Amino acid sequence: MAKTGVTGIKRIVNAFGYTWKGLRAAYKHEAAFRQELGLAVILFPLAFWLGQNVIEWILLLSSVIFILVVEILNSAIEAVVDRTGDEPHKLSGRAKDMGSAAVFLAFTILLITWGLIAWDKFS
């Protein structure tokens, strides 16, 4: 008989604890995450002023949250790469560069979303 893991409410509680630890680690160890979180604090209320309906609010808010998600994933990639060793390796560099590119693309989505919605509002 296979051993089963934690299920039900206990699994949900454990998952929330891991999530909280991850968010705290990102805040404590990643300056970029703190900066982007600061940006989110400014943009979240601005989204409700700029957006003209629920769909626009969702687009504006989710583009900001997407930045935070991608930054956490990028930081996780960097942590794993850094753990494996200090010596330079082309695959390590590639992984870090690709994580950075993902953050850039997430910011591109944010700029396009906010720019087009602002253009629509003010034109």
PDB file of N, CA and C in Angstrom:
ATOM      1  N   MET A   1       0.845  -1.174   0.000  1.00  0.00           N
ATOM      2  CA  MET A   1       0.000   0.000   0.000  1.00  0.00           C
ATOM      3  C   MET A   1       0.890   1.236   0.000  1.00  0.00           C
ATOM      4  N   ALA A   2       0.602   2.169  -0.898  1.00  0.00           N
ATOM      5  CA  ALA A   2       1.402   3.384  -1.013  1.00  0.00           C
ATOM      6  C   ALA A   2       1.080   4.331   0.139  1.00  0.00           C
ATOM      7  N   LYS A   3       2.116   5.012   0.584  1.00  0.00           N
ATOM      8  CA  LYS A   3       1.934   5.994   1.646  1.00  0.00           C
ATOM      9  C   LYS A   3       1.256   7.232   1.056  1.00  0.00           C
ATOM     10  N   THR A   4       0.222   7.703   1.720  1.00  0.00           N
ATOM     11  CA  THR A   4      -0.473   8.893   1.239  1.00  0.00           C
ATOM     12  C   THR A   4       0.017  10.102   2.012  1.00  0.00           C
ATOM     13  N   GLY A   5      -0.013  11.232   1.332  1.00  0.00           N
ATOM     14  CA  GLY A   5       0.409  12.478   1.957  1.00  0.00           C
ATOM     15  C   GLY A   5      -0.718  13.107   2.747  1.00  0.00           C
ATOM     16  N   VAL A   6      -0.453  14.262   3.231  1.00  0.00           N
ATOM     17  CA  VAL A   6      -1.449  15.020   3.978  1.00  0.00           C
ATOM     18  C   VAL A   6      -2.540  15.461   3.006  1.00  0.00           C
ATOM     19  N   THR A   7      -3.775  15.356   3.418  1.00  0.00           N
ATOM     20  CA  THR A   7      -4.894  15.731   2.563  1.00  0.00           C
ATOM     21  C   THR A   7      -5.843  16.648   3.314  1.00  0.00           C
ATOM     22  N   GLY A   8      -6.839  17.130   2.605  1.00  0.00           N
ATOM     23  CA  GLY A   8      -7.898  17.923   3.215  1.00  0.00           C
ATOM     24  C   GLY A   8      -7.415  19.283   3.698  1.00  0.00           C
ATOM     25  N   ILE A   9      -8.021  19.702   4.784  1.00  0.00           N
ATOM     26  CA  ILE A   9      -7.750  21.025   5.346  1.00  0.00           C
ATOM     27  C   ILE A   9      -6.282  21.163   5.744  1.00  0.00           C
ATOM     28  N   LYS A  10      -5.702  20.116   6.281  1.00  0.00           N
ATOM     29  CA  LYS A  10      -4.291  20.166   6.708  1.00  0.00           C
ATOM     30  C   LYS A  10      -3.384  20.477   5.515  1.00  0.00           C
ATOM     31  N   ARG A  11      -3.671  19.882   4.351  1.00  0.00           N
ATOM     32  CA  ARG A  11      -2.871  20.147   3.155  1.00  0.00           C
ATOM     33  C   ARG A  11      -2.998  21.618   2.742  1.00  0.00           C
ATOM     34  N   ILE A  12      -4.212  22.157   2.814  1.00  0.00           N
ATOM     35  CA  ILE A  12      -4.444  23.559   2.456  1.00  0.00           C
ATOM     36  C   ILE A  12      -3.711  24.480   3.414  1.00  0.00           C
ATOM     37  N   VAL A  13      -3.776  24.165   4.704  1.00  0.00           N
ATOM     38  CA  VAL A  13      -3.073  24.972   5.710  1.00  0.00           C
ATOM     39  C   VAL A  13      -1.562  24.920   5.457  1.00  0.00           C
ATOM     40  N   ASN A  14      -1.034  23.722   5.187  1.00  0.00           N
ATOM     41  CA  ASN A  14       0.402  23.592   4.893  1.00  0.00           C
ATOM     42  C   ASN A  14       0.780  24.394   3.653  1.00  0.00           C
ATOM     43  N   ALA A  15      -0.044  24.301   2.613  1.00  0.00           N
ATOM     44  CA  ALA A  15       0.241  25.025   1.365  1.00  0.00           C
ATOM     45  C   ALA A  15       0.260  26.525   1.616  1.00  0.00           C
ATOM     46  N   PHE A  16      -0.672  27.022   2.407  1.00  0.00           N
ATOM     47  CA  PHE A  16      -0.679  28.446   2.728  1.00  0.00           C
ATOM     48  C   PHE A  16       0.589  28.836   3.487  1.00  0.00           C
ATOM     49  N   GLY A  17       1.034  27.971   4.389  1.00  0.00           N
ATOM     50  CA  GLY A  17       2.272  28.243   5.132  1.00  0.00           C
ATOM     51  C   GLY A  17       3.476  28.324   4.207  1.00  0.00           C
ATOM     52  N   TYR A  18       3.560  27.416   3.224  1.00  0.00           N
ATOM     53  CA  TYR A  18       4.661  27.458   2.258  1.00  0.00           C
ATOM     54  C   TYR A  18       4.588  28.723   1.407  1.00  0.00           C
ATOM     55  N   THR A  19       3.380  29.093   1.034  1.00  0.00           N
ATOM     56  CA  THR A  19       3.186  30.319   0.250  1.00  0.00           C
ATOM     57  C   THR A  19       3.664  31.522   1.036  1.00  0.00           C
ATOM     58  N   TRP A  20       3.269  31.601   2.284  1.00  0.00           N
ATOM     59  CA  TRP A  20       3.661  32.729   3.133  1.00  0.00           C
ATOM     60  C   TRP A  20       5.187  32.788   3.283  1.00  0.00           C
ATOM     61  N   LYS A  21       5.813  31.605   3.480  1.00  0.00           N
ATOM     62  CA  LYS A  21       7.278  31.558   3.579  1.00  0.00           C
ATOM     63  C   LYS A  21       7.921  32.057   2.289  1.00  0.00           C
ATOM     64  N   GLY A  22       7.370  31.671   1.151  1.00  0.00           N
ATOM     65  CA  GLY A  22       7.905  32.103  -0.133  1.00  0.00           C
ATOM     66  C   GLY A  22       7.783  33.603  -0.329  1.00  0.00           C
ATOM     67  N   LEU A  23       6.638  34.160   0.026  1.00  0.00           N
ATOM     68  CA  LEU A  23       6.456  35.611  -0.097  1.00  0.00           C
ATOM     69  C   LEU A  23       7.400  36.362   0.836  1.00  0.00           C
ATOM     70  N   ARG A  24       7.540  35.864   2.056  1.00  0.00           N
ATOM     71  CA  ARG A  24       8.465  36.507   3.005  1.00  0.00           C
ATOM     72  C   ARG A  24       9.904  36.426   2.510  1.00  0.00           C
ATOM     73  N   ALA A  25      10.293  35.275   1.961  1.00  0.00           N
ATOM     74  CA  ALA A  25      11.655  35.124   1.435  1.00  0.00           C
ATOM     75  C   ALA A  25      11.894  36.069   0.266  1.00  0.00           C
ATOM     76  N   ALA A  26      10.919  36.189  -0.621  1.00  0.00           N
ATOM     77  CA  ALA A  26      11.057  37.113  -1.757  1.00  0.00           C
ATOM     78  C   ALA A  26      11.219  38.542  -1.252  1.00  0.00           C
ATOM     79  N   TYR A  27      10.415  38.923  -0.273  1.00  0.00           N
ATOM     80  CA  TYR A  27      10.504  40.290   0.263  1.00  0.00           C
ATOM     81  C   TYR A  27      11.838  40.524   0.969  1.00  0.00           C
ATOM     82  N   LYS A  28      12.276  39.554   1.738  1.00  0.00           N
ATOM     83  CA  LYS A  28      13.498  39.707   2.532  1.00  0.00           C
ATOM     84  C   LYS A  28      14.760  39.700   1.674  1.00  0.00           C
ATOM     85  N   HIS A  29      14.804  38.847   0.652  1.00  0.00           N
ATOM     86  CA  HIS A  29      16.054  38.613  -0.068  1.00  0.00           C
ATOM     87  C   HIS A  29      16.132  39.225  -1.461  1.00  0.00           C
ATOM     88  N   GLU A  30      15.032  39.733  -1.987  1.00  0.00           N
ATOM     89  CA  GLU A  30      15.023  40.196  -3.372  1.00  0.00           C
ATOM     90  C   GLU A  30      14.627  41.665  -3.462  1.00  0.00           C
ATOM     91  N   ALA A  31      15.617  42.516  -3.732  1.00  0.00           N
ATOM     92  CA  ALA A  31      15.362  43.956  -3.857  1.00  0.00           C
ATOM     93  C   ALA A  31      14.384  44.246  -4.995  1.00  0.00           C
ATOM     94  N   ALA A  32      14.505  43.529  -6.102  1.00  0.00           N
ATOM     95  CA  ALA A  32      13.604  43.760  -7.241  1.00  0.00           C
ATOM     96  C   ALA A  32      12.156  43.475  -6.842  1.00  0.00           C
ATOM     97  N   PHE A  33      11.934  42.424  -6.069  1.00  0.00           N
ATOM     98  CA  PHE A  33      10.573  42.106  -5.624  1.00  0.00           C
ATOM     99  C   PHE A  33      10.036  43.225  -4.741  1.00  0.00           C
ATOM    100  N   ARG A  34      10.864  43.746  -3.837  1.00  0.00           N
ATOM    101  CA  ARG A  34      10.421  44.844  -2.975  1.00  0.00           C
ATOM    102  C   ARG A  34      10.073  46.078  -3.808  1.00  0.00           C
ATOM    103  N   GLN A  35      10.880  46.378  -4.819  1.00  0.00           N
ATOM    104  CA  GLN A  35      10.605  47.524  -5.687  1.00  0.00           C
ATOM    105  C   GLN A  35       9.298  47.323  -6.447  1.00  0.00           C
ATOM    106  N   GLU A  36       9.102  46.137  -6.971  1.00  0.00           N
ATOM    107  CA  GLU A  36       7.883  45.849  -7.729  1.00  0.00           C
ATOM    108  C   GLU A  36       6.662  45.828  -6.819  1.00  0.00           C
ATOM    109  N   LEU A  37       6.829  45.391  -5.588  1.00  0.00           N
ATOM    110  CA  LEU A  37       5.738  45.429  -4.626  1.00  0.00           C
ATOM    111  C   LEU A  37       5.386  46.887  -4.315  1.00  0.00           C
ATOM    112  N   GLY A  38       6.402  47.730  -4.203  1.00  0.00           N
ATOM    113  CA  GLY A  38       6.155  49.166  -4.018  1.00  0.00           C
ATOM    114  C   GLY A  38       5.394  49.757  -5.194  1.00  0.00           C
ATOM    115  N   LEU A  39       5.761  49.352  -6.392  1.00  0.00           N
ATOM    116  CA  LEU A  39       5.040  49.787  -7.586  1.00  0.00           C
ATOM    117  C   LEU A  39       3.591  49.316  -7.535  1.00  0.00           C
ATOM    118  N   ALA A  40       3.378  48.091  -7.083  1.00  0.00           N
ATOM    119  CA  ALA A  40       2.025  47.544  -6.973  1.00  0.00           C
ATOM    120  C   ALA A  40       1.176  48.360  -5.999  1.00  0.00           C
ATOM    121  N   VAL A  41       1.776  48.793  -4.908  1.00  0.00           N
ATOM    122  CA  VAL A  41       1.048  49.599  -3.921  1.00  0.00           C
ATOM    123  C   VAL A  41       0.562  50.900  -4.553  1.00  0.00           C
ATOM    124  N   ILE A  42       1.336  51.447  -5.460  1.00  0.00           N
ATOM    125  CA  ILE A  42       0.946  52.679  -6.154  1.00  0.00           C
ATOM    126  C   ILE A  42      -0.072  52.383  -7.263  1.00  0.00           C
ATOM    127  N   LEU A  43       0.178  51.335  -8.039  1.00  0.00           N
ATOM    128  CA  LEU A  43      -0.668  51.060  -9.202  1.00  0.00           C
ATOM    129  C   LEU A  43      -2.028  50.472  -8.861  1.00  0.00           C
ATOM    130  N   PHE A  44      -2.133  49.720  -7.768  1.00  0.00           N
ATOM    131  CA  PHE A  44      -3.427  49.108  -7.442  1.00  0.00           C
ATOM    132  C   PHE A  44      -4.533  50.159  -7.282  1.00  0.00           C
ATOM    133  N   PRO A  45      -4.363  51.176  -6.453  1.00  0.00           N
ATOM    134  CA  PRO A  45      -5.439  52.170  -6.350  1.00  0.00           C
ATOM    135  C   PRO A  45      -5.614  52.957  -7.662  1.00  0.00           C
ATOM    136  N   LEU A  46      -4.513  53.217  -8.352  1.00  0.00           N
ATOM    137  CA  LEU A  46      -4.576  53.929  -9.629  1.00  0.00           C
ATOM    138  C   LEU A  46      -5.395  53.150 -10.657  1.00  0.00           C
ATOM    139  N   ALA A  47      -5.351  51.826 -10.595  1.00  0.00           N
ATOM    140  CA  ALA A  47      -6.111  50.981 -11.528  1.00  0.00           C
ATOM    141  C   ALA A  47      -7.610  51.257 -11.411  1.00  0.00           C
ATOM    142  N   PHE A  48      -8.103  51.504 -10.210  1.00  0.00           N
ATOM    143  CA  PHE A  48      -9.529  51.746 -10.030  1.00  0.00           C
ATOM    144  C   PHE A  48      -9.946  53.125 -10.529  1.00  0.00           C
ATOM    145  N   TRP A  49      -8.999  54.042 -10.570  1.00  0.00           N
ATOM    146  CA  TRP A  49      -9.272  55.358 -11.136  1.00  0.00           C
ATOM    147  C   TRP A  49      -9.183  55.318 -12.662  1.00  0.00           C
ATOM    148  N   LEU A  50      -8.170  54.625 -13.177  1.00  0.00           N
ATOM    149  CA  LEU A  50      -7.933  54.589 -14.620  1.00  0.00           C
ATOM    150  C   LEU A  50      -8.929  53.678 -15.336  1.00  0.00           C
ATOM    151  N   GLY A  51      -9.193  52.518 -14.777  1.00  0.00           N
ATOM    152  CA  GLY A  51     -10.110  51.572 -15.409  1.00  0.00           C
ATOM    153  C   GLY A  51     -11.533  52.089 -15.401  1.00  0.00           C
ATOM    154  N   GLN A  52     -12.250  51.819 -16.490  1.00  0.00           N
ATOM    155  CA  GLN A  52     -13.611  52.343 -16.621  1.00  0.00           C
ATOM    156  C   GLN A  52     -14.671  51.276 -16.392  1.00  0.00           C
ATOM    157  N   ASN A  53     -14.225  50.016 -16.235  1.00  0.00           N
ATOM    158  CA  ASN A  53     -15.179  48.938 -15.993  1.00  0.00           C
ATOM    159  C   ASN A  53     -14.430  47.761 -15.369  1.00  0.00           C
ATOM    160  N   VAL A  54     -15.169  46.731 -15.038  1.00  0.00           N
ATOM    161  CA  VAL A  54     -14.585  45.581 -14.342  1.00  0.00           C
ATOM    162  C   VAL A  54     -13.504  44.907 -15.182  1.00  0.00           C
ATOM    163  N   ILE A  55     -13.721  44.781 -16.474  1.00  0.00           N
ATOM    164  CA  ILE A  55     -12.735  44.129 -17.338  1.00  0.00           C
ATOM    165  C   ILE A  55     -11.419  44.905 -17.323  1.00  0.00           C
ATOM    166  N   GLU A  56     -11.477  46.210 -17.411  1.00  0.00           N
ATOM    167  CA  GLU A  56     -10.254  47.011 -17.375  1.00  0.00           C
ATOM    168  C   GLU A  56      -9.571  46.914 -16.021  1.00  0.00           C
ATOM    169  N   TRP A  57     -10.344  46.883 -14.941  1.00  0.00           N
ATOM    170  CA  TRP A  57      -9.743  46.713 -13.610  1.00  0.00           C
ATOM    171  C   TRP A  57      -9.012  45.387 -13.527  1.00  0.00           C
ATOM    172  N   ILE A  58      -9.644  44.338 -14.043  1.00  0.00           N
ATOM    173  CA  ILE A  58      -9.007  43.015 -14.027  1.00  0.00           C
ATOM    174  C   ILE A  58      -7.710  43.035 -14.821  1.00  0.00           C
ATOM    175  N   LEU A  59      -7.733  43.627 -16.006  1.00  0.00           N
ATOM    176  CA  LEU A  59      -6.529  43.689 -16.843  1.00  0.00           C
ATOM    177  C   LEU A  59      -5.419  44.485 -16.163  1.00  0.00           C
ATOM    178  N   LEU A  60      -5.761  45.633 -15.609  1.00  0.00           N
ATOM    179  CA  LEU A  60      -4.752  46.475 -14.955  1.00  0.00           C
ATOM    180  C   LEU A  60      -4.162  45.772 -13.735  1.00  0.00           C
ATOM    181  N   LEU A  61      -5.016  45.243 -12.884  1.00  0.00           N
ATOM    182  CA  LEU A  61      -4.540  44.586 -11.662  1.00  0.00           C
ATOM    183  C   LEU A  61      -3.764  43.308 -11.966  1.00  0.00           C
ATOM    184  N   SER A  62      -4.265  42.507 -12.899  1.00  0.00           N
ATOM    185  CA  SER A  62      -3.569  41.250 -13.189  1.00  0.00           C
ATOM    186  C   SER A  62      -2.218  41.486 -13.851  1.00  0.00           C
ATOM    187  N   SER A  63      -2.068  42.565 -14.616  1.00  0.00           N
ATOM    188  CA  SER A  63      -0.754  42.847 -15.204  1.00  0.00           C
ATOM    189  C   SER A  63       0.266  43.195 -14.120  1.00  0.00           C
ATOM    190  N   VAL A  64      -0.181  43.822 -13.048  1.00  0.00           N
ATOM    191  CA  VAL A  64       0.717  44.136 -11.921  1.00  0.00           C
ATOM    192  C   VAL A  64       1.050  42.856 -11.147  1.00  0.00           C
ATOM    193  N   ILE A  65       0.053  42.044 -10.873  1.00  0.00           N
ATOM    194  CA  ILE A  65       0.292  40.783 -10.157  1.00  0.00           C
ATOM    195  C   ILE A  65       1.207  39.876 -10.973  1.00  0.00           C
ATOM    196  N   PHE A  66       1.043  39.894 -12.297  1.00  0.00           N
ATOM    197  CA  PHE A  66       1.876  39.069 -13.174  1.00  0.00           C
ATOM    198  C   PHE A  66       3.356  39.409 -13.010  1.00  0.00           C
ATOM    199  N   ILE A  67       3.675  40.688 -12.852  1.00  0.00           N
ATOM    200  CA  ILE A  67       5.061  41.103 -12.609  1.00  0.00           C
ATOM    201  C   ILE A  67       5.603  40.417 -11.357  1.00  0.00           C
ATOM    202  N   LEU A  68       4.808  40.429 -10.294  1.00  0.00           N
ATOM    203  CA  LEU A  68       5.251  39.829  -9.028  1.00  0.00           C
ATOM    204  C   LEU A  68       5.445  38.324  -9.170  1.00  0.00           C
ATOM    205  N   VAL A  69       4.536  37.681  -9.880  1.00  0.00           N
ATOM    206  CA  VAL A  69       4.645  36.235 -10.102  1.00  0.00           C
ATOM    207  C   VAL A  69       5.925  35.903 -10.856  1.00  0.00           C
ATOM    208  N   VAL A  70       6.164  36.610 -11.947  1.00  0.00           N
ATOM    209  CA  VAL A  70       7.337  36.323 -12.773  1.00  0.00           C
ATOM    210  C   VAL A  70       8.615  36.645 -12.004  1.00  0.00           C
ATOM    211  N   GLU A  71       8.606  37.701 -11.201  1.00  0.00           N
ATOM    212  CA  GLU A  71       9.796  38.032 -10.411  1.00  0.00           C
ATOM    213  C   GLU A  71      10.098  36.937  -9.397  1.00  0.00           C
ATOM    214  N   ILE A  72       9.081  36.382  -8.759  1.00  0.00           N
ATOM    215  CA  ILE A  72       9.299  35.289  -7.811  1.00  0.00           C
ATOM    216  C   ILE A  72       9.875  34.075  -8.531  1.00  0.00           C
ATOM    217  N   LEU A  73       9.340  33.748  -9.698  1.00  0.00           N
ATOM    218  CA  LEU A  73       9.868  32.616 -10.470  1.00  0.00           C
ATOM    219  C   LEU A  73      11.313  32.875 -10.896  1.00  0.00           C
ATOM    220  N   ASN A  74      11.604  34.091 -11.324  1.00  0.00           N
ATOM    221  CA  ASN A  74      12.975  34.448 -11.700  1.00  0.00           C
ATOM    222  C   ASN A  74      13.911  34.306 -10.502  1.00  0.00           C
ATOM    223  N   SER A  75      13.478  34.768  -9.358  1.00  0.00           N
ATOM    224  CA  SER A  75      14.291  34.662  -8.145  1.00  0.00           C
ATOM    225  C   SER A  75      14.507  33.204  -7.755  1.00  0.00           C
ATOM    226  N   ALA A  76      13.480  32.366  -7.947  1.00  0.00           N
ATOM    227  CA  ALA A  76      13.619  30.940  -7.647  1.00  0.00           C
ATOM    228  C   ALA A  76      14.648  30.302  -8.573  1.00  0.00           C
ATOM    229  N   ILE A  77      14.615  30.649  -9.852  1.00  0.00           N
ATOM    230  CA  ILE A  77      15.609  30.139 -10.807  1.00  0.00           C
ATOM    231  C   ILE A  77      17.009  30.561 -10.371  1.00  0.00           C
ATOM    232  N   GLU A  78      17.169  31.827 -10.033  1.00  0.00           N
ATOM    233  CA  GLU A  78      18.480  32.327  -9.620  1.00  0.00           C
ATOM    234  C   GLU A  78      18.970  31.620  -8.365  1.00  0.00           C
ATOM    235  N   ALA A  79      18.075  31.371  -7.411  1.00  0.00           N
ATOM    236  CA  ALA A  79      18.464  30.695  -6.167  1.00  0.00           C
ATOM    237  C   ALA A  79      18.948  29.281  -6.445  1.00  0.00           C
ATOM    238  N   VAL A  80      18.253  28.561  -7.297  1.00  0.00           N
ATOM    239  CA  VAL A  80      18.658  27.190  -7.627  1.00  0.00           C
ATOM    240  C   VAL A  80      19.994  27.192  -8.362  1.00  0.00           C
ATOM    241  N   VAL A  81      20.151  28.105  -9.319  1.00  0.00           N
ATOM    242  CA  VAL A  81      21.403  28.186 -10.076  1.00  0.00           C
ATOM    243  C   VAL A  81      22.563  28.534  -9.134  1.00  0.00           C
ATOM    244  N   ASP A  82      22.343  29.501  -8.251  1.00  0.00           N
ATOM    245  CA  ASP A  82      23.405  29.906  -7.328  1.00  0.00           C
ATOM    246  C   ASP A  82      23.754  28.796  -6.343  1.00  0.00           C
ATOM    247  N   ARG A  83      22.789  27.977  -5.993  1.00  0.00           N
ATOM    248  CA  ARG A  83      23.052  26.885  -5.061  1.00  0.00           C
ATOM    249  C   ARG A  83      23.955  25.822  -5.665  1.00  0.00           C
ATOM    250  N   THR A  84      23.872  25.636  -6.978  1.00  0.00           N
ATOM    251  CA  THR A  84      24.626  24.559  -7.613  1.00  0.00           C
ATOM    252  C   THR A  84      26.114  24.845  -7.721  1.00  0.00           C
ATOM    253  N   GLY A  85      26.510  26.099  -7.586  1.00  0.00           N
ATOM    254  CA  GLY A  85      27.939  26.395  -7.627  1.00  0.00           C
ATOM    255  C   GLY A  85      28.229  27.827  -8.000  1.00  0.00           C
ATOM    256  N   ASP A  86      29.442  28.270  -7.655  1.00  0.00           N
ATOM    257  CA  ASP A  86      29.847  29.646  -7.917  1.00  0.00           C
ATOM    258  C   ASP A  86      30.579  29.809  -9.241  1.00  0.00           C
ATOM    259  N   GLU A  87      31.059  28.702  -9.797  1.00  0.00           N
ATOM    260  CA  GLU A  87      31.831  28.810 -11.028  1.00  0.00           C
ATOM    261  C   GLU A  87      30.903  29.154 -12.202  1.00  0.00           C
ATOM    262  N   PRO A  88      31.376  30.023 -13.104  1.00  0.00           N
ATOM    263  CA  PRO A  88      30.559  30.396 -14.259  1.00  0.00           C
ATOM    264  C   PRO A  88      30.295  29.183 -15.159  1.00  0.00           C
ATOM    265  N   HIS A  89      29.089  29.103 -15.667  1.00  0.00           N
ATOM    266  CA  HIS A  89      28.724  28.052 -16.606  1.00  0.00           C
ATOM    267  C   HIS A  89      27.713  28.641 -17.581  1.00  0.00           C
ATOM    268  N   LYS A  90      27.845  28.292 -18.853  1.00  0.00           N
ATOM    269  CA  LYS A  90      26.981  28.897 -19.865  1.00  0.00           C
ATOM    270  C   LYS A  90      25.506  28.583 -19.627  1.00  0.00           C
ATOM    271  N   LEU A  91      25.192  27.394 -19.119  1.00  0.00           N
ATOM    272  CA  LEU A  91      23.797  27.066 -18.854  1.00  0.00           C
ATOM    273  C   LEU A  91      23.245  27.853 -17.665  1.00  0.00           C
ATOM    274  N   SER A  92      24.089  28.090 -16.670  1.00  0.00           N
ATOM    275  CA  SER A  92      23.672  28.911 -15.529  1.00  0.00           C
ATOM    276  C   SER A  92      23.378  30.331 -15.990  1.00  0.00           C
ATOM    277  N   GLY A  93      24.271  30.859 -16.793  1.00  0.00           N
ATOM    278  CA  GLY A  93      24.072  32.205 -17.325  1.00  0.00           C
ATOM    279  C   GLY A  93      22.824  32.288 -18.181  1.00  0.00           C
ATOM    280  N   ARG A  94      22.613  31.255 -19.007  1.00  0.00           N
ATOM    281  CA  ARG A  94      21.437  31.232 -19.868  1.00  0.00           C
ATOM    282  C   ARG A  94      20.156  31.204 -19.041  1.00  0.00           C
ATOM    283  N   ALA A  95      20.132  30.391 -17.996  1.00  0.00           N
ATOM    284  CA  ALA A  95      18.941  30.304 -17.148  1.00  0.00           C
ATOM    285  C   ALA A  95      18.635  31.651 -16.500  1.00  0.00           C
ATOM    286  N   LYS A  96      19.664  32.297 -15.978  1.00  0.00           N
ATOM    287  CA  LYS A  96      19.458  33.603 -15.349  1.00  0.00           C
ATOM    288  C   LYS A  96      19.027  34.648 -16.367  1.00  0.00           C
ATOM    289  N   ASP A  97      19.632  34.629 -17.541  1.00  0.00           N
ATOM    290  CA  ASP A  97      19.259  35.587 -18.583  1.00  0.00           C
ATOM    291  C   ASP A  97      17.818  35.384 -19.038  1.00  0.00           C
ATOM    292  N   MET A  98      17.404  34.128 -19.145  1.00  0.00           N
ATOM    293  CA  MET A  98      16.039  33.839 -19.561  1.00  0.00           C
ATOM    294  C   MET A  98      15.034  34.264 -18.491  1.00  0.00           C
ATOM    295  N   GLY A  99      15.387  34.093 -17.237  1.00  0.00           N
ATOM    296  CA  GLY A  99      14.524  34.574 -16.156  1.00  0.00           C
ATOM    297  C   GLY A  99      14.384  36.083 -16.208  1.00  0.00           C
ATOM    298  N   SER A 100      15.494  36.767 -16.471  1.00  0.00           N
ATOM    299  CA  SER A 100      15.464  38.215 -16.603  1.00  0.00           C
ATOM    300  C   SER A 100      14.617  38.641 -17.797  1.00  0.00           C
ATOM    301  N   ALA A 101      14.730  37.915 -18.893  1.00  0.00           N
ATOM    302  CA  ALA A 101      13.921  38.213 -20.079  1.00  0.00           C
ATOM    303  C   ALA A 101      12.431  38.041 -19.772  1.00  0.00           C
ATOM    304  N   ALA A 102      12.089  37.049 -18.974  1.00  0.00           N
ATOM    305  CA  ALA A 102      10.683  36.834 -18.604  1.00  0.00           C
ATOM    306  C   ALA A 102      10.145  38.026 -17.818  1.00  0.00           C
ATOM    307  N   VAL A 103      10.952  38.567 -16.908  1.00  0.00           N
ATOM    308  CA  VAL A 103      10.544  39.754 -16.152  1.00  0.00           C
ATOM    309  C   VAL A 103      10.345  40.927 -17.110  1.00  0.00           C
ATOM    310  N   PHE A 104      11.261  41.091 -18.060  1.00  0.00           N
ATOM    311  CA  PHE A 104      11.144  42.167 -19.047  1.00  0.00           C
ATOM    312  C   PHE A 104       9.841  42.039 -19.844  1.00  0.00           C
ATOM    313  N   LEU A 105       9.523  40.824 -20.279  1.00  0.00           N
ATOM    314  CA  LEU A 105       8.298  40.616 -21.047  1.00  0.00           C
ATOM    315  C   LEU A 105       7.053  40.877 -20.194  1.00  0.00           C
ATOM    316  N   ALA A 106       7.116  40.528 -18.918  1.00  0.00           N
ATOM    317  CA  ALA A 106       5.995  40.819 -18.023  1.00  0.00           C
ATOM    318  C   ALA A 106       5.802  42.330 -17.891  1.00  0.00           C
ATOM    319  N   PHE A 107       6.903  43.067 -17.802  1.00  0.00           N
ATOM    320  CA  PHE A 107       6.800  44.531 -17.762  1.00  0.00           C
ATOM    321  C   PHE A 107       6.254  45.072 -19.075  1.00  0.00           C
ATOM    322  N   THR A 108       6.611  44.442 -20.183  1.00  0.00           N
ATOM    323  CA  THR A 108       6.080  44.854 -21.485  1.00  0.00           C
ATOM    324  C   THR A 108       4.565  44.698 -21.511  1.00  0.00           C
ATOM    325  N   ILE A 109       4.067  43.583 -20.979  1.00  0.00           N
ATOM    326  CA  ILE A 109       2.619  43.373 -20.886  1.00  0.00           C
ATOM    327  C   ILE A 109       1.986  44.472 -20.041  1.00  0.00           C
ATOM    328  N   LEU A 110       2.612  44.804 -18.924  1.00  0.00           N
ATOM    329  CA  LEU A 110       2.088  45.858 -18.058  1.00  0.00           C
ATOM    330  C   LEU A 110       2.038  47.185 -18.801  1.00  0.00           C
ATOM    331  N   LEU A 111       3.109  47.544 -19.485  1.00  0.00           N
ATOM    332  CA  LEU A 111       3.154  48.831 -20.188  1.00  0.00           C
ATOM    333  C   LEU A 111       2.123  48.891 -21.312  1.00  0.00           C
ATOM    334  N   ILE A 112       1.977  47.830 -22.061  1.00  0.00           N
ATOM    335  CA  ILE A 112       0.986  47.804 -23.136  1.00  0.00           C
ATOM    336  C   ILE A 112      -0.426  47.917 -22.554  1.00  0.00           C
ATOM    337  N   THR A 113      -0.709  47.138 -21.526  1.00  0.00           N
ATOM    338  CA  THR A 113      -2.044  47.143 -20.910  1.00  0.00           C
ATOM    339  C   THR A 113      -2.384  48.522 -20.361  1.00  0.00           C
ATOM    340  N   TRP A 114      -1.489  49.058 -19.549  1.00  0.00           N
ATOM    341  CA  TRP A 114      -1.749  50.360 -18.937  1.00  0.00           C
ATOM    342  C   TRP A 114      -1.771  51.466 -19.994  1.00  0.00           C
ATOM    343  N   GLY A 115      -0.868  51.370 -20.960  1.00  0.00           N
ATOM    344  CA  GLY A 115      -0.815  52.388 -22.005  1.00  0.00           C
ATOM    345  C   GLY A 115      -2.077  52.425 -22.848  1.00  0.00           C
ATOM    346  N   LEU A 116      -2.558  51.276 -23.270  1.00  0.00           N
ATOM    347  CA  LEU A 116      -3.754  51.241 -24.108  1.00  0.00           C
ATOM    348  C   LEU A 116      -5.007  51.658 -23.349  1.00  0.00           C
ATOM    349  N   ILE A 117      -5.126  51.257 -22.102  1.00  0.00           N
ATOM    350  CA  ILE A 117      -6.278  51.649 -21.310  1.00  0.00           C
ATOM    351  C   ILE A 117      -6.229  53.148 -21.018  1.00  0.00           C
ATOM    352  N   ALA A 118      -5.046  53.680 -20.729  1.00  0.00           N
ATOM    353  CA  ALA A 118      -4.923  55.132 -20.513  1.00  0.00           C
ATOM    354  C   ALA A 118      -5.233  55.893 -21.804  1.00  0.00           C
ATOM    355  N   TRP A 119      -4.738  55.361 -22.933  1.00  0.00           N
ATOM    356  CA  TRP A 119      -5.003  55.994 -24.227  1.00  0.00           C
ATOM    357  C   TRP A 119      -6.511  56.065 -24.485  1.00  0.00           C
ATOM    358  N   ASP A 120      -7.197  54.964 -24.203  1.00  0.00           N
ATOM    359  CA  ASP A 120      -8.634  54.928 -24.395  1.00  0.00           C
ATOM    360  C   ASP A 120      -9.356  55.919 -23.484  1.00  0.00           C
ATOM    361  N   LYS A 121      -8.912  56.047 -22.269  1.00  0.00           N
ATOM    362  CA  LYS A 121      -9.569  56.936 -21.312  1.00  0.00           C
ATOM    363  C   LYS A 121      -9.372  58.397 -21.679  1.00  0.00           C
ATOM    364  N   PHE A 122      -8.172  58.739 -22.120  1.00  0.00           N
ATOM    365  CA  PHE A 122      -7.851  60.157 -22.327  1.00  0.00           C
ATOM    366  C   PHE A 122      -7.947  60.624 -23.764  1.00  0.00           C
ATOM    367  N   SER A 123      -8.355  59.741 -24.657  1.00  0.00           N
ATOM    368  CA  SER A 123      -8.432  60.182 -26.057  1.00  0.00           C
ATOM    369  C   SER A 123      -9.879  60.474 -26.456  1.00  0.00           C
TER     370      SER A 123
END
